[in-house]
Amino acid sequence: MSFAEIDRQEREWADRARKAQAAAAQAYERLLSLAENGDSGQVRSVAYLMAMRAS
């Protein structure tokens, strides 16, 4: 495998990682918004569990 091919693959992986992180951040923001503004106990519970795992 050539250096150019490895470099191309690394750029592709970095781009895919950015897209996945952006999608995850949007989903997390939506969950937090629902937990703060909604009345669903299930959403609030999921947000709480995620916060506990992150700390």
PDB file of N, CA and C in Angstrom:
ATOM      1  N   MET A   1       0.849  -1.162   0.000  1.00  0.00           N
ATOM      2  CA  MET A   1       0.000   0.000   0.000  1.00  0.00           C
ATOM      3  C   MET A   1       0.905   1.239   0.000  1.00  0.00           C
ATOM      4  N   SER A   2       0.582   2.163  -0.859  1.00  0.00           N
ATOM      5  CA  SER A   2       1.407   3.360  -0.991  1.00  0.00           C
ATOM      6  C   SER A   2       1.067   4.387   0.088  1.00  0.00           C
ATOM      7  N   PHE A   3       1.984   5.323   0.250  1.00  0.00           N
ATOM      8  CA  PHE A   3       1.765   6.409   1.212  1.00  0.00           C
ATOM      9  C   PHE A   3       0.512   7.194   0.853  1.00  0.00           C
ATOM     10  N   ALA A   4       0.307   7.442  -0.430  1.00  0.00           N
ATOM     11  CA  ALA A   4      -0.874   8.196  -0.875  1.00  0.00           C
ATOM     12  C   ALA A   4      -2.168   7.459  -0.508  1.00  0.00           C
ATOM     13  N   GLU A   5      -2.151   6.153  -0.658  1.00  0.00           N
ATOM     14  CA  GLU A   5      -3.337   5.354  -0.320  1.00  0.00           C
ATOM     15  C   GLU A   5      -3.599   5.382   1.183  1.00  0.00           C
ATOM     16  N   ILE A   6      -2.561   5.255   1.979  1.00  0.00           N
ATOM     17  CA  ILE A   6      -2.712   5.322   3.442  1.00  0.00           C
ATOM     18  C   ILE A   6      -3.223   6.698   3.854  1.00  0.00           C
ATOM     19  N   ASP A   7      -2.665   7.737   3.256  1.00  0.00           N
ATOM     20  CA  ASP A   7      -3.095   9.104   3.550  1.00  0.00           C
ATOM     21  C   ASP A   7      -4.566   9.300   3.186  1.00  0.00           C
ATOM     22  N   ARG A   8      -4.986   8.776   2.036  1.00  0.00           N
ATOM     23  CA  ARG A   8      -6.385   8.878   1.611  1.00  0.00           C
ATOM     24  C   ARG A   8      -7.304   8.162   2.598  1.00  0.00           C
ATOM     25  N   GLN A   9      -6.907   6.968   3.027  1.00  0.00           N
ATOM     26  CA  GLN A   9      -7.716   6.214   3.983  1.00  0.00           C
ATOM     27  C   GLN A   9      -7.837   6.950   5.314  1.00  0.00           C
ATOM     28  N   GLU A  10      -6.756   7.537   5.784  1.00  0.00           N
ATOM     29  CA  GLU A  10      -6.792   8.272   7.050  1.00  0.00           C
ATOM     30  C   GLU A  10      -7.725   9.472   6.949  1.00  0.00           C
ATOM     31  N   ARG A  11      -7.688  10.185   5.818  1.00  0.00           N
ATOM     32  CA  ARG A  11      -8.605  11.316   5.626  1.00  0.00           C
ATOM     33  C   ARG A  11     -10.055  10.838   5.587  1.00  0.00           C
ATOM     34  N   GLU A  12     -10.294   9.712   4.929  1.00  0.00           N
ATOM     35  CA  GLU A  12     -11.640   9.150   4.847  1.00  0.00           C
ATOM     36  C   GLU A  12     -12.141   8.755   6.242  1.00  0.00           C
ATOM     37  N   TRP A  13     -11.285   8.110   7.032  1.00  0.00           N
ATOM     38  CA  TRP A  13     -11.671   7.712   8.392  1.00  0.00           C
ATOM     39  C   TRP A  13     -11.964   8.933   9.257  1.00  0.00           C
ATOM     40  N   ALA A  14     -11.122   9.960   9.135  1.00  0.00           N
ATOM     41  CA  ALA A  14     -11.331  11.184   9.911  1.00  0.00           C
ATOM     42  C   ALA A  14     -12.653  11.846   9.522  1.00  0.00           C
ATOM     43  N   ASP A  15     -12.967  11.845   8.236  1.00  0.00           N
ATOM     44  CA  ASP A  15     -14.230  12.428   7.773  1.00  0.00           C
ATOM     45  C   ASP A  15     -15.416  11.633   8.307  1.00  0.00           C
ATOM     46  N   ARG A  16     -15.328  10.318   8.260  1.00  0.00           N
ATOM     47  CA  ARG A  16     -16.407   9.475   8.787  1.00  0.00           C
ATOM     48  C   ARG A  16     -16.573   9.679  10.290  1.00  0.00           C
ATOM     49  N   ALA A  17     -15.465   9.824  11.008  1.00  0.00           N
ATOM     50  CA  ALA A  17     -15.530  10.041  12.453  1.00  0.00           C
ATOM     51  C   ALA A  17     -16.201  11.379  12.762  1.00  0.00           C
ATOM     52  N   ARG A  18     -15.849  12.429  12.011  1.00  0.00           N
ATOM     53  CA  ARG A  18     -16.481  13.745  12.217  1.00  0.00           C
ATOM     54  C   ARG A  18     -17.983  13.670  11.997  1.00  0.00           C
ATOM     55  N   LYS A  19     -18.390  12.980  10.941  1.00  0.00           N
ATOM     56  CA  LYS A  19     -19.828  12.860  10.642  1.00  0.00           C
ATOM     57  C   LYS A  19     -20.551  12.082  11.744  1.00  0.00           C
ATOM     58  N   ALA A  20     -19.940  11.015  12.217  1.00  0.00           N
ATOM     59  CA  ALA A  20     -20.558  10.216  13.284  1.00  0.00           C
ATOM     60  C   ALA A  20     -20.653  11.018  14.575  1.00  0.00           C
ATOM     61  N   GLN A  21     -19.610  11.767  14.900  1.00  0.00           N
ATOM     62  CA  GLN A  21     -19.625  12.585  16.113  1.00  0.00           C
ATOM     63  C   GLN A  21     -20.662  13.695  16.010  1.00  0.00           C
ATOM     64  N   ALA A  22     -20.810  14.281  14.827  1.00  0.00           N
ATOM     65  CA  ALA A  22     -21.810  15.334  14.634  1.00  0.00           C
ATOM     66  C   ALA A  22     -23.220  14.773  14.822  1.00  0.00           C
ATOM     67  N   ALA A  23     -23.468  13.604  14.266  1.00  0.00           N
ATOM     68  CA  ALA A  23     -24.785  12.976  14.420  1.00  0.00           C
ATOM     69  C   ALA A  23     -25.054  12.632  15.881  1.00  0.00           C
ATOM     70  N   ALA A  24     -24.044  12.131  16.573  1.00  0.00           N
ATOM     71  CA  ALA A  24     -24.211  11.795  17.993  1.00  0.00           C
ATOM     72  C   ALA A  24     -24.464  13.050  18.819  1.00  0.00           C
ATOM     73  N   ALA A  25     -23.767  14.122  18.508  1.00  0.00           N
ATOM     74  CA  ALA A  25     -23.966  15.373  19.241  1.00  0.00           C
ATOM     75  C   ALA A  25     -25.374  15.910  19.026  1.00  0.00           C
ATOM     76  N   GLN A  26     -25.887  15.809  17.813  1.00  0.00           N
ATOM     77  CA  GLN A  26     -27.254  16.260  17.541  1.00  0.00           C
ATOM     78  C   GLN A  26     -28.268  15.403  18.298  1.00  0.00           C
ATOM     79  N   ALA A  27     -28.051  14.106  18.318  1.00  0.00           N
ATOM     80  CA  ALA A  27     -28.968  13.216  19.042  1.00  0.00           C
ATOM     81  C   ALA A  27     -28.925  13.501  20.539  1.00  0.00           C
ATOM     82  N   TYR A  28     -27.732  13.746  21.071  1.00  0.00           N
ATOM     83  CA  TYR A  28     -27.592  14.047  22.497  1.00  0.00           C
ATOM     84  C   TYR A  28     -28.270  15.371  22.839  1.00  0.00           C
ATOM     85  N   GLU A  29     -28.092  16.380  21.987  1.00  0.00           N
ATOM     86  CA  GLU A  29     -28.755  17.670  22.198  1.00  0.00           C
ATOM     87  C   GLU A  29     -30.270  17.512  22.187  1.00  0.00           C
ATOM     88  N   ARG A  30     -30.774  16.712  21.265  1.00  0.00           N
ATOM     89  CA  ARG A  30     -32.227  16.455  21.191  1.00  0.00           C
ATOM     90  C   ARG A  30     -32.707  15.771  22.467  1.00  0.00           C
ATOM     91  N   LEU A  31     -31.962  14.793  22.941  1.00  0.00           N
ATOM     92  CA  LEU A  31     -32.327  14.093  24.170  1.00  0.00           C
ATOM     93  C   LEU A  31     -32.356  15.058  25.355  1.00  0.00           C
ATOM     94  N   LEU A  32     -31.324  15.898  25.474  1.00  0.00           N
ATOM     95  CA  LEU A  32     -31.295  16.863  26.577  1.00  0.00           C
ATOM     96  C   LEU A  32     -32.448  17.843  26.488  1.00  0.00           C
ATOM     97  N   SER A  33     -32.749  18.294  25.282  1.00  0.00           N
ATOM     98  CA  SER A  33     -33.866  19.217  25.095  1.00  0.00           C
ATOM     99  C   SER A  33     -35.184  18.564  25.504  1.00  0.00           C
ATOM    100  N   LEU A  34     -35.377  17.326  25.097  1.00  0.00           N
ATOM    101  CA  LEU A  34     -36.599  16.605  25.479  1.00  0.00           C
ATOM    102  C   LEU A  34     -36.664  16.402  26.994  1.00  0.00           C
ATOM    103  N   ALA A  35     -35.530  16.089  27.589  1.00  0.00           N
ATOM    104  CA  ALA A  35     -35.498  15.859  29.037  1.00  0.00           C
ATOM    105  C   ALA A  35     -35.807  17.146  29.800  1.00  0.00           C
ATOM    106  N   GLU A  36     -35.311  18.276  29.304  1.00  0.00           N
ATOM    107  CA  GLU A  36     -35.520  19.547  29.997  1.00  0.00           C
ATOM    108  C   GLU A  36     -36.923  20.106  29.777  1.00  0.00           C
ATOM    109  N   ASN A  37     -37.469  19.884  28.584  1.00  0.00           N
ATOM    110  CA  ASN A  37     -38.725  20.540  28.232  1.00  0.00           C
ATOM    111  C   ASN A  37     -39.918  19.600  28.139  1.00  0.00           C
ATOM    112  N   GLY A  38     -39.687  18.324  28.057  1.00  0.00           N
ATOM    113  CA  GLY A  38     -40.786  17.378  27.894  1.00  0.00           C
ATOM    114  C   GLY A  38     -41.289  16.876  29.226  1.00  0.00           C
ATOM    115  N   ASP A  39     -42.337  16.095  29.147  1.00  0.00           N
ATOM    116  CA  ASP A  39     -42.914  15.554  30.375  1.00  0.00           C
ATOM    117  C   ASP A  39     -42.817  14.030  30.412  1.00  0.00           C
ATOM    118  N   SER A  40     -41.963  13.473  29.573  1.00  0.00           N
ATOM    119  CA  SER A  40     -41.814  12.026  29.535  1.00  0.00           C
ATOM    120  C   SER A  40     -40.802  11.576  30.586  1.00  0.00           C
ATOM    121  N   GLY A  41     -41.232  10.767  31.486  1.00  0.00           N
ATOM    122  CA  GLY A  41     -40.329  10.233  32.490  1.00  0.00           C
ATOM    123  C   GLY A  41     -39.270   9.342  31.878  1.00  0.00           C
ATOM    124  N   GLN A  42     -39.609   8.678  30.784  1.00  0.00           N
ATOM    125  CA  GLN A  42     -38.651   7.787  30.130  1.00  0.00           C
ATOM    126  C   GLN A  42     -37.475   8.591  29.574  1.00  0.00           C
ATOM    127  N   VAL A  43     -37.755   9.697  28.909  1.00  0.00           N
ATOM    128  CA  VAL A  43     -36.675  10.522  28.349  1.00  0.00           C
ATOM    129  C   VAL A  43     -35.799  11.038  29.475  1.00  0.00           C
ATOM    130  N   ARG A  44     -36.401  11.501  30.535  1.00  0.00           N
ATOM    131  CA  ARG A  44     -35.651  12.023  31.682  1.00  0.00           C
ATOM    132  C   ARG A  44     -34.758  10.932  32.280  1.00  0.00           C
ATOM    133  N   SER A  45     -35.285   9.729  32.365  1.00  0.00           N
ATOM    134  CA  SER A  45     -34.517   8.611  32.921  1.00  0.00           C
ATOM    135  C   SER A  45     -33.321   8.256  32.038  1.00  0.00           C
ATOM    136  N   VAL A  46     -33.525   8.238  30.745  1.00  0.00           N
ATOM    137  CA  VAL A  46     -32.431   7.924  29.808  1.00  0.00           C
ATOM    138  C   VAL A  46     -31.361   9.006  29.907  1.00  0.00           C
ATOM    139  N   ALA A  47     -31.759  10.274  29.934  1.00  0.00           N
ATOM    140  CA  ALA A  47     -30.798  11.370  30.047  1.00  0.00           C
ATOM    141  C   ALA A  47     -30.014  11.256  31.357  1.00  0.00           C
ATOM    142  N   TYR A  48     -30.694  10.917  32.421  1.00  0.00           N
ATOM    143  CA  TYR A  48     -30.026  10.758  33.724  1.00  0.00           C
ATOM    144  C   TYR A  48     -28.999   9.635  33.668  1.00  0.00           C
ATOM    145  N   LEU A  49     -29.384   8.494  33.098  1.00  0.00           N
ATOM    146  CA  LEU A  49     -28.461   7.368  33.011  1.00  0.00           C
ATOM    147  C   LEU A  49     -27.250   7.688  32.145  1.00  0.00           C
ATOM    148  N   MET A  50     -27.475   8.402  31.061  1.00  0.00           N
ATOM    149  CA  MET A  50     -26.346   8.797  30.205  1.00  0.00           C
ATOM    150  C   MET A  50     -25.418   9.750  30.943  1.00  0.00           C
ATOM    151  N   ALA A  51     -25.988  10.671  31.707  1.00  0.00           N
ATOM    152  CA  ALA A  51     -25.167  11.622  32.465  1.00  0.00           C
ATOM    153  C   ALA A  51     -24.349  10.898  33.529  1.00  0.00           C
ATOM    154  N   MET A  52     -24.932   9.898  34.147  1.00  0.00           N
ATOM    155  CA  MET A  52     -24.217   9.152  35.182  1.00  0.00           C
ATOM    156  C   MET A  52     -23.050   8.375  34.578  1.00  0.00           C
ATOM    157  N   ARG A  53     -23.233   7.842  33.391  1.00  0.00           N
ATOM    158  CA  ARG A  53     -22.153   7.080  32.733  1.00  0.00           C
ATOM    159  C   ARG A  53     -21.043   8.012  32.282  1.00  0.00           C
ATOM    160  N   ALA A  54     -21.377   9.252  31.947  1.00  0.00           N
ATOM    161  CA  ALA A  54     -20.384  10.194  31.430  1.00  0.00           C
ATOM    162  C   ALA A  54     -19.516  10.764  32.570  1.00  0.00           C
ATOM    163  N   SER A  55     -20.001  10.691  33.788  1.00  0.00           N
ATOM    164  CA  SER A  55     -19.235  11.288  34.880  1.00  0.00           C
ATOM    165  C   SER A  55     -18.296  10.290  35.532  1.00  0.00           C
TER     166      SER A  55
END
